[in-house]
Amino acid sequence: MSPIVVFLALAVPLLFFAAARDVATRLIPDPIPIAIGVIGVATRLVEGWAAAGTSLLLAAAVFILLVPIAARGWLGGGDVKLLSAMAVGLSPGYTWDFVVATVFVGGALGVAYILGRRLAPETRVAGGATLLRRVLAVEAWRMRRRGPLPYAVAIAGGGLLLLISLPRA
């Protein structure tokens, strides 16, 4: 099994956990990007020091490019850390593919939130409502008030798209 498949197979579940936390709290716990970064370095070291060094430099560049965007409030700090951590485990070509996939999923998420502002019904939840129903009610409330997108959902979607698009060898 190739190192990229191993990395993505380990990172995608962590990305989905980050996405779930981002939906619920709009926060991404720091241990998630740290774990993805450690897994990334370990899998890139399988390909050699040069590969690991290149990925670390690329991840630093991604971080440096995204910090001003986060400072303007267009992206969350946790999202910056998550995207940078993913870059640690990917080659430059796969990092580009991941970013493009994430942008496409983010665009679809943005359209869903724009439509959701008009389509999401007013929902009242009782004390005994299921977790899913409570989360949907809160998201509908956030959509109507133009709250921030849980961009970790887009990042997880980008990681999943990259994983399923890899050649089977």
C-alpha atoms as a PDB file:
ATOM      1  CA  MET A   1       0.000   0.000   0.000  1.00  0.00           C
ATOM      2  CA  SER A   2       1.418   3.398  -0.963  1.00  0.00           C
ATOM      3  CA  PRO A   3       2.246   5.960   1.731  1.00  0.00           C
ATOM      4  CA  ILE A   4      -0.319   8.442   0.347  1.00  0.00           C
ATOM      5  CA  VAL A   5      -3.110   5.890   0.723  1.00  0.00           C
ATOM      6  CA  VAL A   6      -1.982   5.091   4.272  1.00  0.00           C
ATOM      7  CA  PHE A   7      -1.839   8.794   5.133  1.00  0.00           C
ATOM      8  CA  LEU A   8      -5.289   9.533   3.728  1.00  0.00           C
ATOM      9  CA  ALA A   9      -6.803   6.389   5.232  1.00  0.00           C
ATOM     10  CA  LEU A  10      -5.624   7.590   8.660  1.00  0.00           C
ATOM     11  CA  ALA A  11      -6.286  11.306   8.107  1.00  0.00           C
ATOM     12  CA  VAL A  12      -9.802  11.170   6.630  1.00  0.00           C
ATOM     13  CA  PRO A  13     -11.453   9.815   9.816  1.00  0.00           C
ATOM     14  CA  LEU A  14      -9.694  12.559  11.795  1.00  0.00           C
ATOM     15  CA  LEU A  15     -10.923  15.099   9.250  1.00  0.00           C
ATOM     16  CA  PHE A  16     -14.479  13.867   9.673  1.00  0.00           C
ATOM     17  CA  PHE A  17     -14.157  14.138  13.448  1.00  0.00           C
ATOM     18  CA  ALA A  18     -12.870  17.702  12.998  1.00  0.00           C
ATOM     19  CA  ALA A  19     -15.807  18.432  10.683  1.00  0.00           C
ATOM     20  CA  ALA A  20     -18.301  17.109  13.224  1.00  0.00           C
ATOM     21  CA  ARG A  21     -16.750  19.245  15.963  1.00  0.00           C
ATOM     22  CA  ASP A  22     -16.702  22.261  13.653  1.00  0.00           C
ATOM     23  CA  VAL A  23     -20.402  21.830  12.892  1.00  0.00           C
ATOM     24  CA  ALA A  24     -21.242  21.429  16.563  1.00  0.00           C
ATOM     25  CA  THR A  25     -19.005  24.101  18.084  1.00  0.00           C
ATOM     26  CA  ARG A  26     -17.271  26.007  15.247  1.00  0.00           C
ATOM     27  CA  LEU A  27     -13.997  24.952  16.870  1.00  0.00           C
ATOM     28  CA  ILE A  28     -11.424  22.377  15.769  1.00  0.00           C
ATOM     29  CA  PRO A  29      -9.493  20.811  18.668  1.00  0.00           C
ATOM     30  CA  ASP A  30      -5.716  21.290  18.332  1.00  0.00           C
ATOM     31  CA  PRO A  31      -4.882  17.580  18.784  1.00  0.00           C
ATOM     32  CA  ILE A  32      -6.531  16.798  15.429  1.00  0.00           C
ATOM     33  CA  PRO A  33      -4.194  18.885  13.204  1.00  0.00           C
ATOM     34  CA  ILE A  34      -1.269  17.793  15.373  1.00  0.00           C
ATOM     35  CA  ALA A  35      -2.137  14.111  14.869  1.00  0.00           C
ATOM     36  CA  ILE A  36      -2.599  14.621  11.119  1.00  0.00           C
ATOM     37  CA  GLY A  37       0.749  16.425  10.944  1.00  0.00           C
ATOM     38  CA  VAL A  38       2.559  13.660  12.843  1.00  0.00           C
ATOM     39  CA  ILE A  39       0.986  10.989  10.634  1.00  0.00           C
ATOM     40  CA  GLY A  40       1.922  13.073   7.597  1.00  0.00           C
ATOM     41  CA  VAL A  41       5.573  13.401   8.589  1.00  0.00           C
ATOM     42  CA  ALA A  42       5.783   9.680   9.342  1.00  0.00           C
ATOM     43  CA  THR A  43       4.305   8.667   5.992  1.00  0.00           C
ATOM     44  CA  ARG A  44       6.398  11.193   4.047  1.00  0.00           C
ATOM     45  CA  LEU A  45       9.568   9.926   5.790  1.00  0.00           C
ATOM     46  CA  VAL A  46       8.854   6.530   4.232  1.00  0.00           C
ATOM     47  CA  GLU A  47       9.584   8.233   0.907  1.00  0.00           C
ATOM     48  CA  GLY A  48      12.753   9.883   2.278  1.00  0.00           C
ATOM     49  CA  TRP A  49      14.006  12.975   4.038  1.00  0.00           C
ATOM     50  CA  ALA A  50      13.728  15.093   0.888  1.00  0.00           C
ATOM     51  CA  ALA A  51      10.040  14.231   0.494  1.00  0.00           C
ATOM     52  CA  ALA A  52       9.339  15.016   4.149  1.00  0.00           C
ATOM     53  CA  GLY A  53      11.270  18.278   3.958  1.00  0.00           C
ATOM     54  CA  THR A  54       9.467  19.363   0.798  1.00  0.00           C
ATOM     55  CA  SER A  55       6.098  18.663   2.389  1.00  0.00           C
ATOM     56  CA  LEU A  56       7.031  20.523   5.567  1.00  0.00           C
ATOM     57  CA  LEU A  57       8.123  23.562   3.538  1.00  0.00           C
ATOM     58  CA  LEU A  58       4.926  23.415   1.510  1.00  0.00           C
ATOM     59  CA  ALA A  59       2.838  23.150   4.686  1.00  0.00           C
ATOM     60  CA  ALA A  60       4.652  26.201   6.089  1.00  0.00           C
ATOM     61  CA  ALA A  61       3.907  28.086   2.854  1.00  0.00           C
ATOM     62  CA  VAL A  62       0.228  27.097   3.047  1.00  0.00           C
ATOM     63  CA  PHE A  63       0.119  28.286   6.656  1.00  0.00           C
ATOM     64  CA  ILE A  64       1.821  31.603   5.837  1.00  0.00           C
ATOM     65  CA  LEU A  65      -0.522  32.209   2.889  1.00  0.00           C
ATOM     66  CA  LEU A  66      -3.656  31.428   4.888  1.00  0.00           C
ATOM     67  CA  VAL A  67      -2.893  33.342   8.095  1.00  0.00           C
ATOM     68  CA  PRO A  68      -3.732  36.752   6.547  1.00  0.00           C
ATOM     69  CA  ILE A  69      -6.995  35.296   5.242  1.00  0.00           C
ATOM     70  CA  ALA A  70      -7.818  34.073   8.739  1.00  0.00           C
ATOM     71  CA  ALA A  71      -6.818  37.440  10.197  1.00  0.00           C
ATOM     72  CA  ARG A  72      -9.461  39.074   7.989  1.00  0.00           C
ATOM     73  CA  GLY A  73     -12.053  36.620   9.312  1.00  0.00           C
ATOM     74  CA  TRP A  74     -12.580  34.823   6.009  1.00  0.00           C
ATOM     75  CA  LEU A  75     -11.276  31.508   7.350  1.00  0.00           C
ATOM     76  CA  GLY A  76     -10.947  30.154  10.868  1.00  0.00           C
ATOM     77  CA  GLY A  77      -7.637  29.556  12.582  1.00  0.00           C
ATOM     78  CA  GLY A  78      -8.471  25.885  13.062  1.00  0.00           C
ATOM     79  CA  ASP A  79      -9.140  25.579   9.341  1.00  0.00           C
ATOM     80  CA  VAL A  80      -5.705  27.070   8.598  1.00  0.00           C
ATOM     81  CA  LYS A  81      -4.052  24.551  10.927  1.00  0.00           C
ATOM     82  CA  LEU A  82      -6.058  21.671   9.444  1.00  0.00           C
ATOM     83  CA  LEU A  83      -5.201  22.585   5.841  1.00  0.00           C
ATOM     84  CA  SER A  84      -1.530  23.012   6.743  1.00  0.00           C
ATOM     85  CA  ALA A  85      -1.455  19.692   8.584  1.00  0.00           C
ATOM     86  CA  MET A  86      -2.860  17.967   5.518  1.00  0.00           C
ATOM     87  CA  ALA A  87      -0.121  19.527   3.378  1.00  0.00           C
ATOM     88  CA  VAL A  88       2.473  17.891   5.637  1.00  0.00           C
ATOM     89  CA  GLY A  89       1.381  14.431   4.513  1.00  0.00           C
ATOM     90  CA  LEU A  90       0.957  15.167   0.817  1.00  0.00           C
ATOM     91  CA  SER A  91       3.359  15.658  -2.057  1.00  0.00           C
ATOM     92  CA  PRO A  92       3.162  19.047  -3.820  1.00  0.00           C
ATOM     93  CA  GLY A  93       1.006  17.623  -6.620  1.00  0.00           C
ATOM     94  CA  TYR A  94      -1.413  15.966  -4.236  1.00  0.00           C
ATOM     95  CA  THR A  95      -1.499  19.103  -2.084  1.00  0.00           C
ATOM     96  CA  TRP A  96      -2.688  21.043  -5.128  1.00  0.00           C
ATOM     97  CA  ASP A  97      -5.313  18.373  -5.867  1.00  0.00           C
ATOM     98  CA  PHE A  98      -6.440  18.471  -2.226  1.00  0.00           C
ATOM     99  CA  VAL A  99      -6.739  22.268  -2.199  1.00  0.00           C
ATOM    100  CA  VAL A 100      -8.731  22.259  -5.455  1.00  0.00           C
ATOM    101  CA  ALA A 101     -11.055  19.527  -4.164  1.00  0.00           C
ATOM    102  CA  THR A 102     -11.494  21.411  -0.884  1.00  0.00           C
ATOM    103  CA  VAL A 103     -12.347  24.631  -2.725  1.00  0.00           C
ATOM    104  CA  PHE A 104     -14.980  22.836  -4.802  1.00  0.00           C
ATOM    105  CA  VAL A 105     -16.544  21.213  -1.751  1.00  0.00           C
ATOM    106  CA  GLY A 106     -16.371  24.568   0.048  1.00  0.00           C
ATOM    107  CA  GLY A 107     -18.198  26.208  -2.850  1.00  0.00           C
ATOM    108  CA  ALA A 108     -20.940  23.593  -2.671  1.00  0.00           C
ATOM    109  CA  LEU A 109     -21.122  24.093   1.102  1.00  0.00           C
ATOM    110  CA  GLY A 110     -21.417  27.843   0.602  1.00  0.00           C
ATOM    111  CA  VAL A 111     -24.227  27.423  -1.927  1.00  0.00           C
ATOM    112  CA  ALA A 112     -26.000  25.040   0.469  1.00  0.00           C
ATOM    113  CA  TYR A 113     -25.784  27.636   3.235  1.00  0.00           C
ATOM    114  CA  ILE A 114     -27.058  30.404   0.956  1.00  0.00           C
ATOM    115  CA  LEU A 115     -30.000  28.236  -0.089  1.00  0.00           C
ATOM    116  CA  GLY A 116     -30.449  27.063   3.486  1.00  0.00           C
ATOM    117  CA  ARG A 117     -31.102  30.631   4.617  1.00  0.00           C
ATOM    118  CA  ARG A 118     -34.286  30.581   2.581  1.00  0.00           C
ATOM    119  CA  LEU A 119     -35.214  26.926   2.843  1.00  0.00           C
ATOM    120  CA  ALA A 120     -34.343  25.971   6.431  1.00  0.00           C
ATOM    121  CA  PRO A 121     -37.513  25.943   8.475  1.00  0.00           C
ATOM    122  CA  GLU A 122     -37.826  27.527  11.894  1.00  0.00           C
ATOM    123  CA  THR A 123     -37.274  24.619  14.203  1.00  0.00           C
ATOM    124  CA  ARG A 124     -37.977  24.330  17.867  1.00  0.00           C
ATOM    125  CA  VAL A 125     -36.472  21.371  19.639  1.00  0.00           C
ATOM    126  CA  ALA A 126     -37.771  19.869  22.814  1.00  0.00           C
ATOM    127  CA  GLY A 127     -35.529  18.600  25.570  1.00  0.00           C
ATOM    128  CA  GLY A 128     -35.809  14.992  24.383  1.00  0.00           C
ATOM    129  CA  ALA A 129     -34.823  15.672  20.764  1.00  0.00           C
ATOM    130  CA  THR A 130     -32.107  13.550  19.201  1.00  0.00           C
ATOM    131  CA  LEU A 131     -28.613  14.933  18.758  1.00  0.00           C
ATOM    132  CA  LEU A 132     -29.036  15.066  14.979  1.00  0.00           C
ATOM    133  CA  ARG A 133     -32.271  17.026  15.272  1.00  0.00           C
ATOM    134  CA  ARG A 134     -30.668  19.495  17.683  1.00  0.00           C
ATOM    135  CA  VAL A 135     -27.653  19.967  15.390  1.00  0.00           C
ATOM    136  CA  LEU A 136     -29.923  20.541  12.379  1.00  0.00           C
ATOM    137  CA  ALA A 137     -31.969  23.076  14.328  1.00  0.00           C
ATOM    138  CA  VAL A 138     -28.846  24.974  15.378  1.00  0.00           C
ATOM    139  CA  GLU A 139     -27.476  24.909  11.813  1.00  0.00           C
ATOM    140  CA  ALA A 140     -30.785  26.237  10.461  1.00  0.00           C
ATOM    141  CA  TRP A 141     -30.588  29.022  13.051  1.00  0.00           C
ATOM    142  CA  ARG A 142     -26.966  29.797  12.046  1.00  0.00           C
ATOM    143  CA  MET A 143     -27.872  29.826   8.339  1.00  0.00           C
ATOM    144  CA  ARG A 144     -30.680  32.307   8.851  1.00  0.00           C
ATOM    145  CA  ARG A 145     -28.357  34.584  10.841  1.00  0.00           C
ATOM    146  CA  ARG A 146     -25.564  34.304   8.242  1.00  0.00           C
ATOM    147  CA  GLY A 147     -23.222  32.551  10.642  1.00  0.00           C
ATOM    148  CA  PRO A 148     -19.813  31.256   9.587  1.00  0.00           C
ATOM    149  CA  LEU A 149     -19.452  28.102   7.531  1.00  0.00           C
ATOM    150  CA  PRO A 150     -18.007  25.028   9.233  1.00  0.00           C
ATOM    151  CA  TYR A 151     -15.178  24.884   6.687  1.00  0.00           C
ATOM    152  CA  ALA A 152     -13.722  21.706   8.211  1.00  0.00           C
ATOM    153  CA  VAL A 153     -16.616  20.003   6.406  1.00  0.00           C
ATOM    154  CA  ALA A 154     -15.136  21.201   3.106  1.00  0.00           C
ATOM    155  CA  ILE A 155     -11.640  20.160   4.185  1.00  0.00           C
ATOM    156  CA  ALA A 156     -12.888  16.675   5.096  1.00  0.00           C
ATOM    157  CA  GLY A 157     -14.724  16.479   1.776  1.00  0.00           C
ATOM    158  CA  GLY A 158     -11.565  17.503  -0.073  1.00  0.00           C
ATOM    159  CA  GLY A 159      -9.590  14.796   1.726  1.00  0.00           C
ATOM    160  CA  LEU A 160     -12.221  12.187   0.933  1.00  0.00           C
ATOM    161  CA  LEU A 161     -12.361  13.218  -2.745  1.00  0.00           C
ATOM    162  CA  LEU A 162      -8.585  12.964  -2.968  1.00  0.00           C
ATOM    163  CA  LEU A 163      -8.629   9.524  -1.331  1.00  0.00           C
ATOM    164  CA  ILE A 164     -11.256   8.095  -3.670  1.00  0.00           C
ATOM    165  CA  SER A 165      -9.632   9.658  -6.751  1.00  0.00           C
ATOM    166  CA  LEU A 166      -6.238   8.050  -6.185  1.00  0.00           C
ATOM    167  CA  PRO A 167      -5.218   5.442  -8.747  1.00  0.00           C
ATOM    168  CA  ARG A 168      -5.658   1.896  -7.490  1.00  0.00           C
ATOM    169  CA  ALA A 169      -2.215   0.343  -7.758  1.00  0.00           C
END
